[in-house]
PDB file of all heavy atoms in Angstrom:
ATOM      1  N   THR A   1      -6.142  -1.445   1.789  1.00  0.00           N
ATOM      2  CA  THR A   1      -7.121  -0.397   1.729  1.00  0.00           C
ATOM      3  C   THR A   1      -8.531  -1.078   1.844  1.00  0.00           C
ATOM      4  O   THR A   1      -8.841  -2.040   1.045  1.00  0.00           O
ATOM      5  CB  THR A   1      -7.083   0.293   0.433  1.00  0.00           C
ATOM      6  OG1 THR A   1      -5.705   0.894   0.301  1.00  0.00           O
ATOM      7  CG2 THR A   1      -8.097   1.510   0.325  1.00  0.00           C
ATOM      8  N   ILE A   2      -9.428  -0.634   2.716  1.00  0.00           N
ATOM      9  CA  ILE A   2     -10.714  -1.163   2.916  1.00  0.00           C
ATOM     10  C   ILE A   2     -11.696  -0.133   2.504  1.00  0.00           C
ATOM     11  O   ILE A   2     -11.725   1.023   3.065  1.00  0.00           O
ATOM     12  CB  ILE A   2     -10.883  -1.568   4.396  1.00  0.00           C
ATOM     13  CG1 ILE A   2      -9.867  -2.646   4.780  1.00  0.00           C
ATOM     14  CG2 ILE A   2     -12.362  -2.056   4.557  1.00  0.00           C
ATOM     15  CD1 ILE A   2      -9.956  -2.908   6.316  1.00  0.00           C
ATOM     16  N   THR A   3     -12.632  -0.393   1.489  1.00  0.00           N
ATOM     17  CA  THR A   3     -13.645   0.506   1.102  1.00  0.00           C
ATOM     18  C   THR A   3     -14.987  -0.196   1.232  1.00  0.00           C
ATOM     19  O   THR A   3     -15.061  -1.409   1.786  1.00  0.00           O
ATOM     20  CB  THR A   3     -13.447   0.868  -0.346  1.00  0.00           C
ATOM     21  OG1 THR A   3     -13.768  -0.257  -1.244  1.00  0.00           O
ATOM     22  CG2 THR A   3     -12.022   1.313  -0.598  1.00  0.00           C
ATOM     23  N   GLU A   4     -16.076   0.347   0.955  1.00  0.00           N
ATOM     24  CA  GLU A   4     -17.420  -0.198   0.957  1.00  0.00           C
ATOM     25  C   GLU A   4     -17.671  -1.218  -0.071  1.00  0.00           C
ATOM     26  O   GLU A   4     -18.736  -1.862  -0.077  1.00  0.00           O
ATOM     27  CB  GLU A   4     -18.497   0.943   1.019  1.00  0.00           C
ATOM     28  CG  GLU A   4     -18.383   1.894   2.208  1.00  0.00           C
ATOM     29  CD  GLU A   4     -19.451   2.883   2.097  1.00  0.00           C
ATOM     30  OE1 GLU A   4     -20.224   2.931   1.094  1.00  0.00           O
ATOM     31  OE2 GLU A   4     -19.620   3.704   3.098  1.00  0.00           O
ATOM     32  N   PHE A   5     -16.672  -1.342  -0.916  1.00  0.00           N
ATOM     33  CA  PHE A   5     -16.966  -2.230  -2.086  1.00  0.00           C
ATOM     34  C   PHE A   5     -15.941  -3.404  -2.057  1.00  0.00           C
ATOM     35  O   PHE A   5     -16.211  -4.530  -2.646  1.00  0.00           O
ATOM     36  CB  PHE A   5     -16.733  -1.512  -3.487  1.00  0.00           C
ATOM     37  CG  PHE A   5     -17.664  -0.352  -3.533  1.00  0.00           C
ATOM     38  CD1 PHE A   5     -17.181   1.015  -3.294  1.00  0.00           C
ATOM     39  CD2 PHE A   5     -19.075  -0.536  -3.807  1.00  0.00           C
ATOM     40  CE1 PHE A   5     -18.011   2.090  -3.457  1.00  0.00           C
ATOM     41  CE2 PHE A   5     -19.820   0.619  -3.890  1.00  0.00           C
ATOM     42  CZ  PHE A   5     -19.312   1.881  -3.708  1.00  0.00           C
ATOM     43  N   LYS A   6     -14.715  -3.290  -1.440  1.00  0.00           N
ATOM     44  CA  LYS A   6     -13.707  -4.307  -1.490  1.00  0.00           C
ATOM     45  C   LYS A   6     -12.630  -4.149  -0.423  1.00  0.00           C
ATOM     46  O   LYS A   6     -12.552  -2.926   0.204  1.00  0.00           O
ATOM     47  CB  LYS A   6     -13.113  -4.381  -2.918  1.00  0.00           C
ATOM     48  CG  LYS A   6     -12.394  -3.123  -3.256  1.00  0.00           C
ATOM     49  CD  LYS A   6     -11.824  -3.125  -4.658  1.00  0.00           C
ATOM     50  CE  LYS A   6     -11.141  -1.871  -5.062  1.00  0.00           C
ATOM     51  NZ  LYS A   6     -10.593  -1.874  -6.476  1.00  0.00           N
ATOM     52  N   VAL A   7     -11.760  -5.214  -0.318  1.00  0.00           N
ATOM     53  CA  VAL A   7     -10.548  -5.001   0.479  1.00  0.00           C
ATOM     54  C   VAL A   7      -9.412  -5.283  -0.540  1.00  0.00           C
ATOM     55  O   VAL A   7      -9.408  -6.324  -1.312  1.00  0.00           O
ATOM     56  CB  VAL A   7     -10.483  -6.135   1.582  1.00  0.00           C
ATOM     57  CG1 VAL A   7      -9.145  -6.095   2.276  1.00  0.00           C
ATOM     58  CG2 VAL A   7     -11.697  -5.959   2.543  1.00  0.00           C
ATOM     59  N   GLU A   8      -8.460  -4.323  -0.593  1.00  0.00           N
ATOM     60  CA  GLU A   8      -7.337  -4.438  -1.568  1.00  0.00           C
ATOM     61  C   GLU A   8      -6.055  -4.437  -0.745  1.00  0.00           C
ATOM     62  O   GLU A   8      -5.819  -3.755   0.152  1.00  0.00           O
ATOM     63  CB  GLU A   8      -7.434  -3.134  -2.409  1.00  0.00           C
ATOM     64  CG  GLU A   8      -6.349  -3.125  -3.447  1.00  0.00           C
ATOM     65  CD  GLU A   8      -6.391  -1.934  -4.357  1.00  0.00           C
ATOM     66  OE1 GLU A   8      -7.154  -1.925  -5.418  1.00  0.00           O
ATOM     67  OE2 GLU A   8      -5.649  -0.950  -4.066  1.00  0.00           O
ATOM     68  N   ALA A   9      -5.209  -5.412  -1.317  1.00  0.00           N
ATOM     69  CA  ALA A   9      -3.832  -5.377  -0.749  1.00  0.00           C
ATOM     70  C   ALA A   9      -2.813  -5.179  -1.785  1.00  0.00           C
ATOM     71  O   ALA A   9      -2.767  -5.979  -2.802  1.00  0.00           O
ATOM     72  CB  ALA A   9      -3.583  -6.914  -0.134  1.00  0.00           C
ATOM     73  N   ASP A  10      -1.925  -4.306  -1.545  1.00  0.00           N
ATOM     74  CA  ASP A  10      -0.983  -3.891  -2.607  1.00  0.00           C
ATOM     75  C   ASP A  10       0.451  -4.075  -2.035  1.00  0.00           C
ATOM     76  O   ASP A  10       0.808  -3.576  -1.069  1.00  0.00           O
ATOM     77  CB  ASP A  10      -1.220  -2.318  -2.922  1.00  0.00           C
ATOM     78  CG  ASP A  10      -0.284  -1.877  -4.069  1.00  0.00           C
ATOM     79  OD1 ASP A  10       0.225  -2.776  -4.796  1.00  0.00           O
ATOM     80  OD2 ASP A  10      -0.116  -0.684  -4.301  1.00  0.00           O
ATOM     81  N   LEU A  11       1.196  -5.007  -2.850  1.00  0.00           N
ATOM     82  CA  LEU A  11       2.595  -5.161  -2.453  1.00  0.00           C
ATOM     83  C   LEU A  11       3.436  -4.038  -2.994  1.00  0.00           C
ATOM     84  O   LEU A  11       3.605  -3.903  -4.178  1.00  0.00           O
ATOM     85  CB  LEU A  11       3.142  -6.470  -3.013  1.00  0.00           C
ATOM     86  CG  LEU A  11       4.507  -6.852  -2.732  1.00  0.00           C
ATOM     87  CD1 LEU A  11       4.871  -6.865  -1.290  1.00  0.00           C
ATOM     88  CD2 LEU A  11       4.825  -8.176  -3.380  1.00  0.00           C
ATOM     89  N   GLU A  12       3.990  -3.146  -2.105  1.00  0.00           N
ATOM     90  CA  GLU A  12       4.681  -1.967  -2.512  1.00  0.00           C
ATOM     91  C   GLU A  12       6.190  -2.278  -2.590  1.00  0.00           C
ATOM     92  O   GLU A  12       6.920  -1.675  -2.004  1.00  0.00           O
ATOM     93  CB  GLU A  12       4.369  -0.821  -1.477  1.00  0.00           C
ATOM     94  CG  GLU A  12       2.923  -0.384  -1.458  1.00  0.00           C
ATOM     95  CD  GLU A  12       2.687   0.817  -0.509  1.00  0.00           C
ATOM     96  OE1 GLU A  12       3.318   0.791   0.555  1.00  0.00           O
ATOM     97  OE2 GLU A  12       1.738   1.464  -0.741  1.00  0.00           O
ATOM     98  N   SER A  13       6.510  -3.263  -3.411  1.00  0.00           N
ATOM     99  CA  SER A  13       7.891  -3.546  -3.606  1.00  0.00           C
ATOM    100  C   SER A  13       7.907  -4.419  -5.014  1.00  0.00           C
ATOM    101  O   SER A  13       7.070  -5.254  -5.221  1.00  0.00           O
ATOM    102  CB  SER A  13       8.468  -4.419  -2.535  1.00  0.00           C
ATOM    103  OG  SER A  13       9.782  -4.890  -2.858  1.00  0.00           O
ATOM    104  N   ASP A  14       8.853  -4.005  -5.804  1.00  0.00           N
ATOM    105  CA  ASP A  14       9.044  -4.767  -7.084  1.00  0.00           C
ATOM    106  C   ASP A  14       9.924  -5.978  -6.857  1.00  0.00           C
ATOM    107  O   ASP A  14      10.672  -6.124  -5.906  1.00  0.00           O
ATOM    108  CB  ASP A  14       9.634  -3.798  -8.173  1.00  0.00           C
ATOM    109  CG  ASP A  14       8.813  -2.677  -8.484  1.00  0.00           C
ATOM    110  OD1 ASP A  14       7.554  -2.852  -8.325  1.00  0.00           O
ATOM    111  OD2 ASP A  14       9.209  -1.666  -8.994  1.00  0.00           O
ATOM    112  N   LEU A  15       9.881  -6.849  -7.902  1.00  0.00           N
ATOM    113  CA  LEU A  15      10.820  -8.040  -7.941  1.00  0.00           C
ATOM    114  C   LEU A  15      11.825  -7.793  -8.963  1.00  0.00           C
ATOM    115  O   LEU A  15      11.732  -7.174  -9.979  1.00  0.00           O
ATOM    116  CB  LEU A  15       9.980  -9.336  -8.335  1.00  0.00           C
ATOM    117  CG  LEU A  15       9.043  -9.814  -7.228  1.00  0.00           C
ATOM    118  CD1 LEU A  15       8.300 -11.054  -7.819  1.00  0.00           C
ATOM    119  CD2 LEU A  15       9.786 -10.256  -6.016  1.00  0.00           C
ATOM    120  N   THR A  16      13.076  -8.302  -8.687  1.00  0.00           N
ATOM    121  CA  THR A  16      14.167  -8.201  -9.693  1.00  0.00           C
ATOM    122  C   THR A  16      14.624  -9.575  -9.870  1.00  0.00           C
ATOM    123  O   THR A  16      14.777 -10.431  -8.913  1.00  0.00           O
ATOM    124  CB  THR A  16      15.279  -7.318  -9.175  1.00  0.00           C
ATOM    125  OG1 THR A  16      16.388  -7.308 -10.106  1.00  0.00           O
ATOM    126  CG2 THR A  16      15.824  -7.788  -7.799  1.00  0.00           C
ATOM    127  N   TYR A  17      14.973  -9.995 -11.214  1.00  0.00           N
ATOM    128  CA  TYR A  17      15.456 -11.220 -11.575  1.00  0.00           C
ATOM    129  C   TYR A  17      16.224 -11.098 -12.807  1.00  0.00           C
ATOM    130  O   TYR A  17      15.719 -10.644 -13.814  1.00  0.00           O
ATOM    131  CB  TYR A  17      14.343 -12.303 -11.634  1.00  0.00           C
ATOM    132  CG  TYR A  17      14.746 -13.689 -12.020  1.00  0.00           C
ATOM    133  CD1 TYR A  17      15.456 -14.431 -11.064  1.00  0.00           C
ATOM    134  CD2 TYR A  17      14.528 -14.205 -13.232  1.00  0.00           C
ATOM    135  CE1 TYR A  17      15.802 -15.766 -11.314  1.00  0.00           C
ATOM    136  CE2 TYR A  17      14.843 -15.555 -13.409  1.00  0.00           C
ATOM    137  CZ  TYR A  17      15.593 -16.251 -12.561  1.00  0.00           C
ATOM    138  OH  TYR A  17      15.968 -17.579 -12.851  1.00  0.00           O
ATOM    139  N   GLN A  18      17.450 -11.629 -12.859  1.00  0.00           N
ATOM    140  CA  GLN A  18      18.377 -11.566 -14.025  1.00  0.00           C
ATOM    141  C   GLN A  18      18.271 -10.168 -14.750  1.00  0.00           C
ATOM    142  O   GLN A  18      18.040  -9.952 -15.881  1.00  0.00           O
ATOM    143  CB  GLN A  18      17.858 -12.585 -15.060  1.00  0.00           C
ATOM    144  CG  GLN A  18      18.042 -14.015 -14.582  1.00  0.00           C
ATOM    145  CD  GLN A  18      17.670 -15.041 -15.631  1.00  0.00           C
ATOM    146  OE1 GLN A  18      16.935 -14.759 -16.504  1.00  0.00           O
ATOM    147  NE2 GLN A  18      18.175 -16.265 -15.372  1.00  0.00           N
ATOM    148  N   ASN A  19      18.471  -9.101 -13.857  1.00  0.00           N
ATOM    149  CA  ASN A  19      18.616  -7.678 -14.362  1.00  0.00           C
ATOM    150  C   ASN A  19      17.232  -7.173 -14.788  1.00  0.00           C
ATOM    151  O   ASN A  19      17.303  -6.107 -15.619  1.00  0.00           O
ATOM    152  CB  ASN A  19      19.693  -7.523 -15.364  1.00  0.00           C
ATOM    153  CG  ASN A  19      21.072  -7.816 -14.760  1.00  0.00           C
ATOM    154  OD1 ASN A  19      21.343  -7.538 -13.637  1.00  0.00           O
ATOM    155  ND2 ASN A  19      21.947  -8.484 -15.483  1.00  0.00           N
ATOM    156  N   ARG A  20      16.181  -7.832 -14.568  1.00  0.00           N
ATOM    157  CA  ARG A  20      14.922  -7.316 -15.026  1.00  0.00           C
ATOM    158  C   ARG A  20      13.953  -7.151 -13.689  1.00  0.00           C
ATOM    159  O   ARG A  20      14.106  -7.824 -12.739  1.00  0.00           O
ATOM    160  CB  ARG A  20      14.212  -8.312 -15.958  1.00  0.00           C
ATOM    161  CG  ARG A  20      14.995  -8.426 -17.259  1.00  0.00           C
ATOM    162  CD  ARG A  20      14.146  -9.356 -18.236  1.00  0.00           C
ATOM    163  NE  ARG A  20      12.824  -8.674 -18.544  1.00  0.00           N
ATOM    164  CZ  ARG A  20      11.833  -9.342 -19.080  1.00  0.00           C
ATOM    165  NH1 ARG A  20      11.988 -10.512 -19.437  1.00  0.00           N
ATOM    166  NH2 ARG A  20      10.691  -8.673 -19.394  1.00  0.00           N
ATOM    167  N   THR A  21      13.141  -6.219 -13.818  1.00  0.00           N
ATOM    168  CA  THR A  21      12.141  -5.934 -12.596  1.00  0.00           C
ATOM    169  C   THR A  21      10.690  -6.002 -13.130  1.00  0.00           C
ATOM    170  O   THR A  21      10.458  -5.841 -14.283  1.00  0.00           O
ATOM    171  CB  THR A  21      12.526  -4.458 -12.087  1.00  0.00           C
ATOM    172  OG1 THR A  21      12.217  -3.587 -13.045  1.00  0.00           O
ATOM    173  CG2 THR A  21      13.878  -4.349 -11.486  1.00  0.00           C
ATOM    174  N   ALA A  22       9.883  -6.321 -12.116  1.00  0.00           N
ATOM    175  CA  ALA A  22       8.467  -6.289 -12.506  1.00  0.00           C
ATOM    176  C   ALA A  22       7.776  -6.041 -11.046  1.00  0.00           C
ATOM    177  O   ALA A  22       8.198  -6.426 -10.038  1.00  0.00           O
ATOM    178  CB  ALA A  22       8.084  -7.703 -13.004  1.00  0.00           C
ATOM    179  N   SER A  23       6.622  -5.482 -11.299  1.00  0.00           N
ATOM    180  CA  SER A  23       5.762  -5.101 -10.065  1.00  0.00           C
ATOM    181  C   SER A  23       4.708  -6.307  -9.896  1.00  0.00           C
ATOM    182  O   SER A  23       4.321  -6.941 -10.873  1.00  0.00           O
ATOM    183  CB  SER A  23       5.076  -3.827 -10.243  1.00  0.00           C
ATOM    184  OG  SER A  23       4.215  -3.799 -11.426  1.00  0.00           O
ATOM    185  N   VAL A  24       4.311  -6.495  -8.719  1.00  0.00           N
ATOM    186  CA  VAL A  24       3.367  -7.500  -8.394  1.00  0.00           C
ATOM    187  C   VAL A  24       1.860  -6.867  -8.401  1.00  0.00           C
ATOM    188  O   VAL A  24       0.943  -7.448  -8.903  1.00  0.00           O
ATOM    189  CB  VAL A  24       3.577  -8.202  -7.077  1.00  0.00           C
ATOM    190  CG1 VAL A  24       2.446  -9.112  -6.699  1.00  0.00           C
ATOM    191  CG2 VAL A  24       4.927  -8.888  -7.033  1.00  0.00           C
ATOM    192  N   GLY A  25       1.799  -5.670  -7.883  1.00  0.00           N
ATOM    193  CA  GLY A  25       0.612  -4.934  -7.921  1.00  0.00           C
ATOM    194  C   GLY A  25      -0.405  -5.363  -6.765  1.00  0.00           C
ATOM    195  O   GLY A  25      -0.024  -5.993  -5.791  1.00  0.00           O
ATOM    196  N   ALA A  26      -1.550  -5.094  -7.012  1.00  0.00           N
ATOM    197  CA  ALA A  26      -2.594  -5.298  -5.950  1.00  0.00           C
ATOM    198  C   ALA A  26      -3.485  -6.550  -6.309  1.00  0.00           C
ATOM    199  O   ALA A  26      -3.800  -6.784  -7.392  1.00  0.00           O
ATOM    200  CB  ALA A  26      -3.442  -4.092  -5.751  1.00  0.00           C
ATOM    201  N   VAL A  27      -3.942  -7.057  -5.117  1.00  0.00           N
ATOM    202  CA  VAL A  27      -4.996  -8.130  -5.263  1.00  0.00           C
ATOM    203  C   VAL A  27      -6.228  -7.626  -4.402  1.00  0.00           C
ATOM    204  O   VAL A  27      -6.070  -6.729  -3.473  1.00  0.00           O
ATOM    205  CB  VAL A  27      -4.494  -9.520  -4.699  1.00  0.00           C
ATOM    206  CG1 VAL A  27      -3.363 -10.023  -5.610  1.00  0.00           C
ATOM    207  CG2 VAL A  27      -4.068  -9.414  -3.291  1.00  0.00           C
ATOM    208  N   GLU A  28      -7.305  -8.248  -4.575  1.00  0.00           N
ATOM    209  CA  GLU A  28      -8.580  -7.758  -3.944  1.00  0.00           C
ATOM    210  C   GLU A  28      -9.516  -8.838  -3.676  1.00  0.00           C
ATOM    211  O   GLU A  28      -9.548  -9.864  -4.353  1.00  0.00           O
ATOM    212  CB  GLU A  28      -9.152  -6.590  -4.766  1.00  0.00           C
ATOM    213  CG  GLU A  28      -9.719  -6.991  -6.078  1.00  0.00           C
ATOM    214  CD  GLU A  28     -10.223  -5.842  -6.906  1.00  0.00           C
ATOM    215  OE1 GLU A  28      -9.532  -4.695  -6.880  1.00  0.00           O
ATOM    216  OE2 GLU A  28     -11.311  -5.996  -7.512  1.00  0.00           O
ATOM    217  N   ASN A  29     -10.481  -8.458  -2.783  1.00  0.00           N
ATOM    218  CA  ASN A  29     -11.593  -9.362  -2.520  1.00  0.00           C
ATOM    219  C   ASN A  29     -12.857  -8.418  -2.289  1.00  0.00           C
ATOM    220  O   ASN A  29     -12.848  -7.435  -1.699  1.00  0.00           O
ATOM    221  CB  ASN A  29     -11.409 -10.153  -1.181  1.00  0.00           C
ATOM    222  CG  ASN A  29     -12.572 -11.058  -0.866  1.00  0.00           C
ATOM    223  OD1 ASN A  29     -13.654 -10.558  -0.376  1.00  0.00           O
ATOM    224  ND2 ASN A  29     -12.329 -12.361  -0.957  1.00  0.00           N
ATOM    225  N   ASN A  30     -13.839  -8.800  -3.051  1.00  0.00           N
ATOM    226  CA  ASN A  30     -15.107  -7.965  -3.036  1.00  0.00           C
ATOM    227  C   ASN A  30     -16.047  -8.249  -1.957  1.00  0.00           C
ATOM    228  O   ASN A  30     -17.130  -8.768  -1.974  1.00  0.00           O
ATOM    229  CB  ASN A  30     -15.908  -8.231  -4.399  1.00  0.00           C
ATOM    230  CG  ASN A  30     -15.106  -7.695  -5.581  1.00  0.00           C
ATOM    231  OD1 ASN A  30     -14.342  -6.794  -5.578  1.00  0.00           O
ATOM    232  ND2 ASN A  30     -15.256  -8.412  -6.667  1.00  0.00           N
ATOM    233  N   ILE A  31     -15.567  -7.819  -0.666  1.00  0.00           N
ATOM    234  CA  ILE A  31     -16.320  -7.925   0.522  1.00  0.00           C
ATOM    235  C   ILE A  31     -16.445  -6.552   1.163  1.00  0.00           C
ATOM    236  O   ILE A  31     -15.578  -5.740   1.181  1.00  0.00           O
ATOM    237  CB  ILE A  31     -15.631  -8.884   1.497  1.00  0.00           C
ATOM    238  CG1 ILE A  31     -16.515  -9.175   2.670  1.00  0.00           C
ATOM    239  CG2 ILE A  31     -14.289  -8.437   1.932  1.00  0.00           C
ATOM    240  CD1 ILE A  31     -16.006 -10.193   3.677  1.00  0.00           C
ATOM    241  N   ASN A  32     -17.642  -6.307   1.719  1.00  0.00           N
ATOM    242  CA  ASN A  32     -18.014  -5.007   2.388  1.00  0.00           C
ATOM    243  C   ASN A  32     -17.812  -5.202   3.797  1.00  0.00           C
ATOM    244  O   ASN A  32     -18.775  -5.393   4.478  1.00  0.00           O
ATOM    245  CB  ASN A  32     -19.363  -4.548   1.999  1.00  0.00           C
ATOM    246  CG  ASN A  32     -19.689  -3.158   2.390  1.00  0.00           C
ATOM    247  OD1 ASN A  32     -18.988  -2.602   3.300  1.00  0.00           O
ATOM    248  ND2 ASN A  32     -20.709  -2.565   1.827  1.00  0.00           N
ATOM    249  N   LEU A  33     -16.571  -4.889   4.270  1.00  0.00           N
ATOM    250  CA  LEU A  33     -16.345  -5.042   5.716  1.00  0.00           C
ATOM    251  C   LEU A  33     -17.035  -3.923   6.495  1.00  0.00           C
ATOM    252  O   LEU A  33     -17.280  -3.998   7.699  1.00  0.00           O
ATOM    253  CB  LEU A  33     -14.829  -5.013   6.011  1.00  0.00           C
ATOM    254  CG  LEU A  33     -14.085  -6.396   5.643  1.00  0.00           C
ATOM    255  CD1 LEU A  33     -12.640  -6.199   6.042  1.00  0.00           C
ATOM    256  CD2 LEU A  33     -14.720  -7.547   6.435  1.00  0.00           C
ATOM    257  N   TYR A  34     -17.246  -2.786   5.862  1.00  0.00           N
ATOM    258  CA  TYR A  34     -17.941  -1.674   6.508  1.00  0.00           C
ATOM    259  C   TYR A  34     -19.374  -2.031   6.915  1.00  0.00           C
ATOM    260  O   TYR A  34     -19.834  -1.768   8.085  1.00  0.00           O
ATOM    261  CB  TYR A  34     -17.973  -0.395   5.593  1.00  0.00           C
ATOM    262  CG  TYR A  34     -16.815   0.395   5.710  1.00  0.00           C
ATOM    263  CD1 TYR A  34     -15.748   0.356   4.770  1.00  0.00           C
ATOM    264  CD2 TYR A  34     -16.558   1.425   6.683  1.00  0.00           C
ATOM    265  CE1 TYR A  34     -14.686   1.141   4.900  1.00  0.00           C
ATOM    266  CE2 TYR A  34     -15.424   2.166   6.859  1.00  0.00           C
ATOM    267  CZ  TYR A  34     -14.461   2.142   5.852  1.00  0.00           C
ATOM    268  OH  TYR A  34     -13.442   2.915   5.869  1.00  0.00           O
TER     269      TYR A  34
END
């Protein structure tokens, strides 16, 4: 997602390990590509 304030990348998949799951979520960079 690109906005006037940042670029955000969201991994839309969870991780599973030893019958447990966790989400990675989004990372971002505060750059105005617009």
